Amino acid sequence: MVVEENATYDIYYDKEGDFLEVSFGEPASEGTTEEIEQGVFITRNIDTKRITNVGILNFKKRTQLLKKILNRFNLQLPLEITFSS
């Protein structure tokens, strides 16, 4: 799935929990979340199977993982997310 250029994105970062969540488009009315690898979660719309959210625990130590996950599921963001010390 490639997200349309004009689609909406929501990026949430919990500094205390070091958790990043990226949402693509409108939220699903019903979804299912699975942990695809340790600390990495995807939420899919139950009806369309479209990925609506990607969440990553311990994000500061694993910033490159977001790009890997986006590529794995053919998702795109119009920006790059990085952290500096």
PDB file of N, CA and C in Angstrom:
ATOM      1  N   MET A   1       0.846  -1.182   0.000  1.00  0.00           N
ATOM      2  CA  MET A   1       0.000   0.000   0.000  1.00  0.00           C
ATOM      3  C   MET A   1       0.887   1.239   0.000  1.00  0.00           C
ATOM      4  N   VAL A   2       0.648   2.139  -0.859  1.00  0.00           N
ATOM      5  CA  VAL A   2       1.335   3.423  -0.870  1.00  0.00           C
ATOM      6  C   VAL A   2       0.326   4.473  -0.438  1.00  0.00           C
ATOM      7  N   VAL A   3       0.684   5.245   0.567  1.00  0.00           N
ATOM      8  CA  VAL A   3      -0.208   6.284   1.052  1.00  0.00           C
ATOM      9  C   VAL A   3      -0.203   7.435   0.064  1.00  0.00           C
ATOM     10  N   GLU A   4      -1.367   7.943  -0.268  1.00  0.00           N
ATOM     11  CA  GLU A   4      -1.475   9.047  -1.212  1.00  0.00           C
ATOM     12  C   GLU A   4      -0.750  10.274  -0.673  1.00  0.00           C
ATOM     13  N   GLU A   5      -0.219  11.080  -1.606  1.00  0.00           N
ATOM     14  CA  GLU A   5       0.535  12.264  -1.200  1.00  0.00           C
ATOM     15  C   GLU A   5      -0.284  13.208  -0.332  1.00  0.00           C
ATOM     16  N   ASN A   6      -1.563  13.331  -0.595  1.00  0.00           N
ATOM     17  CA  ASN A   6      -2.392  14.264   0.155  1.00  0.00           C
ATOM     18  C   ASN A   6      -3.075  13.639   1.359  1.00  0.00           C
ATOM     19  N   ALA A   7      -2.729  12.409   1.683  1.00  0.00           N
ATOM     20  CA  ALA A   7      -3.312  11.746   2.843  1.00  0.00           C
ATOM     21  C   ALA A   7      -2.840  12.441   4.121  1.00  0.00           C
ATOM     22  N   THR A   8      -3.568  12.238   5.184  1.00  0.00           N
ATOM     23  CA  THR A   8      -3.171  12.831   6.460  1.00  0.00           C
ATOM     24  C   THR A   8      -2.275  11.869   7.229  1.00  0.00           C
ATOM     25  N   TYR A   9      -1.401  12.437   8.024  1.00  0.00           N
ATOM     26  CA  TYR A   9      -0.490  11.681   8.868  1.00  0.00           C
ATOM     27  C   TYR A   9      -0.584  12.255  10.268  1.00  0.00           C
ATOM     28  N   ASP A  10      -0.432  11.399  11.259  1.00  0.00           N
ATOM     29  CA  ASP A  10      -0.386  11.858  12.631  1.00  0.00           C
ATOM     30  C   ASP A  10       0.821  11.183  13.267  1.00  0.00           C
ATOM     31  N   ILE A  11       1.684  11.984  13.867  1.00  0.00           N
ATOM     32  CA  ILE A  11       2.883  11.448  14.510  1.00  0.00           C
ATOM     33  C   ILE A  11       2.829  11.824  15.980  1.00  0.00           C
ATOM     34  N   TYR A  12       2.924  10.802  16.831  1.00  0.00           N
ATOM     35  CA  TYR A  12       2.869  10.999  18.276  1.00  0.00           C
ATOM     36  C   TYR A  12       4.118  10.384  18.880  1.00  0.00           C
ATOM     37  N   TYR A  13       4.790  11.142  19.745  1.00  0.00           N
ATOM     38  CA  TYR A  13       5.954  10.615  20.449  1.00  0.00           C
ATOM     39  C   TYR A  13       5.785  10.838  21.942  1.00  0.00           C
ATOM     40  N   ASP A  14       5.885   9.754  22.709  1.00  0.00           N
ATOM     41  CA  ASP A  14       5.825   9.810  24.169  1.00  0.00           C
ATOM     42  C   ASP A  14       7.267   9.775  24.670  1.00  0.00           C
ATOM     43  N   LYS A  15       7.774  10.924  25.087  1.00  0.00           N
ATOM     44  CA  LYS A  15       9.171  11.036  25.502  1.00  0.00           C
ATOM     45  C   LYS A  15       9.471  10.151  26.715  1.00  0.00           C
ATOM     46  N   GLU A  16       8.580  10.155  27.693  1.00  0.00           N
ATOM     47  CA  GLU A  16       8.797   9.364  28.912  1.00  0.00           C
ATOM     48  C   GLU A  16       8.832   7.865  28.609  1.00  0.00           C
ATOM     49  N   GLY A  17       7.938   7.411  27.744  1.00  0.00           N
ATOM     50  CA  GLY A  17       7.882   5.994  27.395  1.00  0.00           C
ATOM     51  C   GLY A  17       8.736   5.625  26.195  1.00  0.00           C
ATOM     52  N   ASP A  18       9.327   6.645  25.532  1.00  0.00           N
ATOM     53  CA  ASP A  18      10.128   6.462  24.319  1.00  0.00           C
ATOM     54  C   ASP A  18       9.372   5.604  23.304  1.00  0.00           C
ATOM     55  N   PHE A  19       8.141   6.043  22.999  1.00  0.00           N
ATOM     56  CA  PHE A  19       7.268   5.326  22.070  1.00  0.00           C
ATOM     57  C   PHE A  19       6.846   6.268  20.957  1.00  0.00           C
ATOM     58  N   LEU A  20       7.086   5.848  19.721  1.00  0.00           N
ATOM     59  CA  LEU A  20       6.672   6.617  18.544  1.00  0.00           C
ATOM     60  C   LEU A  20       5.517   5.884  17.876  1.00  0.00           C
ATOM     61  N   GLU A  21       4.480   6.647  17.528  1.00  0.00           N
ATOM     62  CA  GLU A  21       3.365   6.083  16.782  1.00  0.00           C
ATOM     63  C   GLU A  21       3.089   6.967  15.573  1.00  0.00           C
ATOM     64  N   VAL A  22       3.005   6.355  14.403  1.00  0.00           N
ATOM     65  CA  VAL A  22       2.699   7.053  13.161  1.00  0.00           C
ATOM     66  C   VAL A  22       1.386   6.492  12.641  1.00  0.00           C
ATOM     67  N   SER A  23       0.443   7.388  12.358  1.00  0.00           N
ATOM     68  CA  SER A  23      -0.862   6.986  11.820  1.00  0.00           C
ATOM     69  C   SER A  23      -0.974   7.481  10.388  1.00  0.00           C
ATOM     70  N   PHE A  24      -1.565   6.649   9.547  1.00  0.00           N
ATOM     71  CA  PHE A  24      -1.719   6.946   8.127  1.00  0.00           C
ATOM     72  C   PHE A  24      -3.191   7.102   7.800  1.00  0.00           C
ATOM     73  N   GLY A  25      -3.571   8.278   7.305  1.00  0.00           N
ATOM     74  CA  GLY A  25      -4.947   8.511   6.908  1.00  0.00           C
ATOM     75  C   GLY A  25      -5.904   8.528   8.092  1.00  0.00           C
ATOM     76  N   GLU A  26      -7.167   8.338   7.776  1.00  0.00           N
ATOM     77  CA  GLU A  26      -8.198   8.345   8.806  1.00  0.00           C
ATOM     78  C   GLU A  26      -8.110   7.068   9.632  1.00  0.00           C
ATOM     79  N   PRO A  27      -8.354   7.161  10.944  1.00  0.00           N
ATOM     80  CA  PRO A  27      -8.301   5.956  11.769  1.00  0.00           C
ATOM     81  C   PRO A  27      -9.413   4.978  11.385  1.00  0.00           C
ATOM     82  N   ALA A  28      -9.119   3.709  11.535  1.00  0.00           N
ATOM     83  CA  ALA A  28     -10.108   2.668  11.245  1.00  0.00           C
ATOM     84  C   ALA A  28     -11.171   2.659  12.325  1.00  0.00           C
ATOM     85  N   SER A  29     -12.413   2.379  11.928  1.00  0.00           N
ATOM     86  CA  SER A  29     -13.473   2.260  12.931  1.00  0.00           C
ATOM     87  C   SER A  29     -13.228   1.028  13.797  1.00  0.00           C
ATOM     88  N   GLU A  30     -12.647  -0.023  13.199  1.00  0.00           N
ATOM     89  CA  GLU A  30     -12.237  -1.209  13.944  1.00  0.00           C
ATOM     90  C   GLU A  30     -10.901  -1.674  13.392  1.00  0.00           C
ATOM     91  N   GLY A  31      -9.992  -1.999  14.296  1.00  0.00           N
ATOM     92  CA  GLY A  31      -8.682  -2.451  13.863  1.00  0.00           C
ATOM     93  C   GLY A  31      -8.158  -3.551  14.749  1.00  0.00           C
ATOM     94  N   THR A  32      -7.125  -4.190  14.272  1.00  0.00           N
ATOM     95  CA  THR A  32      -6.456  -5.227  15.039  1.00  0.00           C
ATOM     96  C   THR A  32      -4.960  -4.906  15.053  1.00  0.00           C
ATOM     97  N   THR A  33      -4.338  -5.054  16.219  1.00  0.00           N
ATOM     98  CA  THR A  33      -2.926  -4.721  16.381  1.00  0.00           C
ATOM     99  C   THR A  33      -2.133  -5.992  16.631  1.00  0.00           C
ATOM    100  N   GLU A  34      -0.978  -6.085  15.956  1.00  0.00           N
ATOM    101  CA  GLU A  34      -0.098  -7.225  16.179  1.00  0.00           C
ATOM    102  C   GLU A  34       1.332  -6.729  16.377  1.00  0.00           C
ATOM    103  N   GLU A  35       2.074  -7.471  17.170  1.00  0.00           N
ATOM    104  CA  GLU A  35       3.489  -7.170  17.379  1.00  0.00           C
ATOM    105  C   GLU A  35       4.262  -7.965  16.336  1.00  0.00           C
ATOM    106  N   ILE A  36       4.827  -7.267  15.352  1.00  0.00           N
ATOM    107  CA  ILE A  36       5.484  -7.950  14.240  1.00  0.00           C
ATOM    108  C   ILE A  36       6.932  -8.317  14.545  1.00  0.00           C
ATOM    109  N   GLU A  37       7.518  -7.639  15.500  1.00  0.00           N
ATOM    110  CA  GLU A  37       8.803  -7.997  16.078  1.00  0.00           C
ATOM    111  C   GLU A  37       8.860  -7.307  17.427  1.00  0.00           C
ATOM    112  N   GLN A  38       9.824  -7.665  18.247  1.00  0.00           N
ATOM    113  CA  GLN A  38       9.838  -7.151  19.611  1.00  0.00           C
ATOM    114  C   GLN A  38       9.765  -5.628  19.637  1.00  0.00           C
ATOM    115  N   GLY A  39       8.701  -5.114  20.265  1.00  0.00           N
ATOM    116  CA  GLY A  39       8.534  -3.677  20.432  1.00  0.00           C
ATOM    117  C   GLY A  39       8.038  -2.930  19.213  1.00  0.00           C
ATOM    118  N   VAL A  40       7.622  -3.646  18.161  1.00  0.00           N
ATOM    119  CA  VAL A  40       7.122  -3.011  16.935  1.00  0.00           C
ATOM    120  C   VAL A  40       5.701  -3.515  16.678  1.00  0.00           C
ATOM    121  N   PHE A  41       4.770  -2.565  16.574  1.00  0.00           N
ATOM    122  CA  PHE A  41       3.358  -2.903  16.445  1.00  0.00           C
ATOM    123  C   PHE A  41       2.776  -2.281  15.185  1.00  0.00           C
ATOM    124  N   ILE A  42       1.910  -3.035  14.516  1.00  0.00           N
ATOM    125  CA  ILE A  42       1.142  -2.460  13.410  1.00  0.00           C
ATOM    126  C   ILE A  42      -0.336  -2.688  13.691  1.00  0.00           C
ATOM    127  N   THR A  43      -1.135  -1.719  13.303  1.00  0.00           N
ATOM    128  CA  THR A  43      -2.583  -1.832  13.417  1.00  0.00           C
ATOM    129  C   THR A  43      -3.156  -1.819  12.019  1.00  0.00           C
ATOM    130  N   ARG A  44      -4.040  -2.774  11.756  1.00  0.00           N
ATOM    131  CA  ARG A  44      -4.692  -2.885  10.446  1.00  0.00           C
ATOM    132  C   ARG A  44      -6.190  -2.673  10.596  1.00  0.00           C
ATOM    133  N   ASN A  45      -6.779  -2.065   9.584  1.00  0.00           N
ATOM    134  CA  ASN A  45      -8.223  -1.946   9.493  1.00  0.00           C
ATOM    135  C   ASN A  45      -8.770  -3.362   9.307  1.00  0.00           C
ATOM    136  N   ILE A  46      -9.744  -3.755  10.122  1.00  0.00           N
ATOM    137  CA  ILE A  46     -10.286  -5.111  10.052  1.00  0.00           C
ATOM    138  C   ILE A  46     -10.901  -5.394   8.684  1.00  0.00           C
ATOM    139  N   ASP A  47     -11.601  -4.429   8.114  1.00  0.00           N
ATOM    140  CA  ASP A  47     -12.297  -4.656   6.845  1.00  0.00           C
ATOM    141  C   ASP A  47     -11.369  -4.644   5.638  1.00  0.00           C
ATOM    142  N   THR A  48     -10.461  -3.672   5.570  1.00  0.00           N
ATOM    143  CA  THR A  48      -9.629  -3.503   4.372  1.00  0.00           C
ATOM    144  C   THR A  48      -8.236  -4.104   4.502  1.00  0.00           C
ATOM    145  N   LYS A  49      -7.820  -4.446   5.726  1.00  0.00           N
ATOM    146  CA  LYS A  49      -6.466  -4.962   6.026  1.00  0.00           C
ATOM    147  C   LYS A  49      -5.385  -3.910   5.808  1.00  0.00           C
ATOM    148  N   ARG A  50      -5.789  -2.669   5.546  1.00  0.00           N
ATOM    149  CA  ARG A  50      -4.848  -1.561   5.348  1.00  0.00           C
ATOM    150  C   ARG A  50      -4.185  -1.210   6.675  1.00  0.00           C
ATOM    151  N   ILE A  51      -2.877  -0.988   6.657  1.00  0.00           N
ATOM    152  CA  ILE A  51      -2.155  -0.585   7.865  1.00  0.00           C
ATOM    153  C   ILE A  51      -2.496   0.861   8.169  1.00  0.00           C
ATOM    154  N   THR A  52      -2.973   1.109   9.384  1.00  0.00           N
ATOM    155  CA  THR A  52      -3.347   2.456   9.785  1.00  0.00           C
ATOM    156  C   THR A  52      -2.377   3.060  10.795  1.00  0.00           C
ATOM    157  N   ASN A  53      -1.609   2.219  11.511  1.00  0.00           N
ATOM    158  CA  ASN A  53      -0.676   2.705  12.523  1.00  0.00           C
ATOM    159  C   ASN A  53       0.566   1.822  12.574  1.00  0.00           C
ATOM    160  N   VAL A  54       1.697   2.461  12.867  1.00  0.00           N
ATOM    161  CA  VAL A  54       2.943   1.763  13.178  1.00  0.00           C
ATOM    162  C   VAL A  54       3.435   2.350  14.491  1.00  0.00           C
ATOM    163  N   GLY A  55       3.743   1.493  15.466  1.00  0.00           N
ATOM    164  CA  GLY A  55       4.251   1.942  16.761  1.00  0.00           C
ATOM    165  C   GLY A  55       5.569   1.261  17.082  1.00  0.00           C
ATOM    166  N   ILE A  56       6.522   2.026  17.649  1.00  0.00           N
ATOM    167  CA  ILE A  56       7.834   1.482  17.969  1.00  0.00           C
ATOM    168  C   ILE A  56       8.228   1.895  19.383  1.00  0.00           C
ATOM    169  N   LEU A  57       8.458   0.890  20.240  1.00  0.00           N
ATOM    170  CA  LEU A  57       8.984   1.131  21.589  1.00  0.00           C
ATOM    171  C   LEU A  57      10.489   1.332  21.517  1.00  0.00           C
ATOM    172  N   ASN A  58      11.058   2.058  22.491  1.00  0.00           N
ATOM    173  CA  ASN A  58      12.501   2.349  22.538  1.00  0.00           C
ATOM    174  C   ASN A  58      12.970   2.982  21.235  1.00  0.00           C
ATOM    175  N   PHE A  59      12.191   3.943  20.765  1.00  0.00           N
ATOM    176  CA  PHE A  59      12.434   4.520  19.442  1.00  0.00           C
ATOM    177  C   PHE A  59      13.772   5.248  19.341  1.00  0.00           C
ATOM    178  N   LYS A  60      14.181   5.965  20.364  1.00  0.00           N
ATOM    179  CA  LYS A  60      15.426   6.741  20.267  1.00  0.00           C
ATOM    180  C   LYS A  60      16.627   5.868  19.911  1.00  0.00           C
ATOM    181  N   LYS A  61      16.630   4.626  20.404  1.00  0.00           N
ATOM    182  CA  LYS A  61      17.738   3.721  20.125  1.00  0.00           C
ATOM    183  C   LYS A  61      17.558   2.991  18.798  1.00  0.00           C
ATOM    184  N   ARG A  62      16.367   3.132  18.199  1.00  0.00           N
ATOM    185  CA  ARG A  62      16.073   2.352  16.999  1.00  0.00           C
ATOM    186  C   ARG A  62      15.428   3.211  15.904  1.00  0.00           C
ATOM    187  N   THR A  63      15.925   4.421  15.719  1.00  0.00           N
ATOM    188  CA  THR A  63      15.295   5.335  14.759  1.00  0.00           C
ATOM    189  C   THR A  63      15.310   4.783  13.335  1.00  0.00           C
ATOM    190  N   GLN A  64      16.347   4.051  12.954  1.00  0.00           N
ATOM    191  CA  GLN A  64      16.428   3.508  11.601  1.00  0.00           C
ATOM    192  C   GLN A  64      15.395   2.403  11.369  1.00  0.00           C
ATOM    193  N   LEU A  65      14.865   1.848  12.437  1.00  0.00           N
ATOM    194  CA  LEU A  65      13.872   0.787  12.311  1.00  0.00           C
ATOM    195  C   LEU A  65      12.591   1.280  11.647  1.00  0.00           C
ATOM    196  N   LEU A  66      12.230   2.535  11.860  1.00  0.00           N
ATOM    197  CA  LEU A  66      11.019   3.077  11.233  1.00  0.00           C
ATOM    198  C   LEU A  66      11.115   2.970   9.719  1.00  0.00           C
ATOM    199  N   LYS A  67      12.236   3.377   9.161  1.00  0.00           N
ATOM    200  CA  LYS A  67      12.415   3.323   7.708  1.00  0.00           C
ATOM    201  C   LYS A  67      12.314   1.881   7.211  1.00  0.00           C
ATOM    202  N   LYS A  68      12.911   0.947   7.944  1.00  0.00           N
ATOM    203  CA  LYS A  68      12.860  -0.462   7.580  1.00  0.00           C
ATOM    204  C   LYS A  68      11.413  -0.976   7.569  1.00  0.00           C
ATOM    205  N   ILE A  69      10.641  -0.620   8.583  1.00  0.00           N
ATOM    206  CA  ILE A  69       9.248  -1.066   8.684  1.00  0.00           C
ATOM    207  C   ILE A  69       8.411  -0.436   7.571  1.00  0.00           C
ATOM    208  N   LEU A  70       8.609   0.848   7.318  1.00  0.00           N
ATOM    209  CA  LEU A  70       7.862   1.510   6.243  1.00  0.00           C
ATOM    210  C   LEU A  70       8.149   0.847   4.897  1.00  0.00           C
ATOM    211  N   ASN A  71       9.415   0.546   4.629  1.00  0.00           N
ATOM    212  CA  ASN A  71       9.788  -0.116   3.378  1.00  0.00           C
ATOM    213  C   ASN A  71       9.192  -1.518   3.298  1.00  0.00           C
ATOM    214  N   ARG A  72       9.224  -2.229   4.413  1.00  0.00           N
ATOM    215  CA  ARG A  72       8.702  -3.605   4.459  1.00  0.00           C
ATOM    216  C   ARG A  72       7.240  -3.672   4.042  1.00  0.00           C
ATOM    217  N   PHE A  73       6.462  -2.660   4.445  1.00  0.00           N
ATOM    218  CA  PHE A  73       5.033  -2.650   4.155  1.00  0.00           C
ATOM    219  C   PHE A  73       4.665  -1.659   3.043  1.00  0.00           C
ATOM    220  N   ASN A  74       5.674  -1.172   2.332  1.00  0.00           N
ATOM    221  CA  ASN A  74       5.476  -0.245   1.210  1.00  0.00           C
ATOM    222  C   ASN A  74       4.681   0.998   1.626  1.00  0.00           C
ATOM    223  N   LEU A  75       5.026   1.536   2.789  1.00  0.00           N
ATOM    224  CA  LEU A  75       4.416   2.762   3.297  1.00  0.00           C
ATOM    225  C   LEU A  75       5.394   3.912   3.112  1.00  0.00           C
ATOM    226  N   GLN A  76       4.871   5.127   3.024  1.00  0.00           N
ATOM    227  CA  GLN A  76       5.728   6.295   2.845  1.00  0.00           C
ATOM    228  C   GLN A  76       5.294   7.430   3.756  1.00  0.00           C
ATOM    229  N   LEU A  77       6.275   8.194   4.204  1.00  0.00           N
ATOM    230  CA  LEU A  77       6.041   9.448   4.922  1.00  0.00           C
ATOM    231  C   LEU A  77       6.702  10.561   4.124  1.00  0.00           C
ATOM    232  N   PRO A  78       6.133  11.763   4.139  1.00  0.00           N
ATOM    233  CA  PRO A  78       6.736  12.864   3.387  1.00  0.00           C
ATOM    234  C   PRO A  78       7.872  13.542   4.159  1.00  0.00           C
ATOM    235  N   LEU A  79       8.404  12.863   5.180  1.00  0.00           N
ATOM    236  CA  LEU A  79       9.473  13.433   5.993  1.00  0.00           C
ATOM    237  C   LEU A  79      10.267  12.318   6.612  1.00  0.00           C
ATOM    238  N   GLU A  80      11.404  12.679   7.216  1.00  0.00           N
ATOM    239  CA  GLU A  80      12.243  11.714   7.918  1.00  0.00           C
ATOM    240  C   GLU A  80      12.267  12.112   9.386  1.00  0.00           C
ATOM    241  N   ILE A  81      12.209  11.132  10.276  1.00  0.00           N
ATOM    242  CA  ILE A  81      12.187  11.388  11.717  1.00  0.00           C
ATOM    243  C   ILE A  81      13.521  10.964  12.289  1.00  0.00           C
ATOM    244  N   THR A  82      14.209  11.898  12.952  1.00  0.00           N
ATOM    245  CA  THR A  82      15.488  11.600  13.588  1.00  0.00           C
ATOM    246  C   THR A  82      15.521  12.243  14.969  1.00  0.00           C
ATOM    247  N   PHE A  83      16.462  11.772  15.807  1.00  0.00           N
ATOM    248  CA  PHE A  83      16.694  12.370  17.121  1.00  0.00           C
ATOM    249  C   PHE A  83      18.164  12.712  17.231  1.00  0.00           C
ATOM    250  N   SER A  84      18.454  13.782  17.939  1.00  0.00           N
ATOM    251  CA  SER A  84      19.842  14.115  18.235  1.00  0.00           C
ATOM    252  C   SER A  84      19.971  14.278  19.746  1.00  0.00           C
ATOM    253  N   SER A  85      21.169  13.984  20.235  1.00  0.00           N
ATOM    254  CA  SER A  85      21.408  14.057  21.688  1.00  0.00           C
ATOM    255  C   SER A  85      21.575  15.469  22.156  1.00  0.00           C
TER     256      SER A  85
END
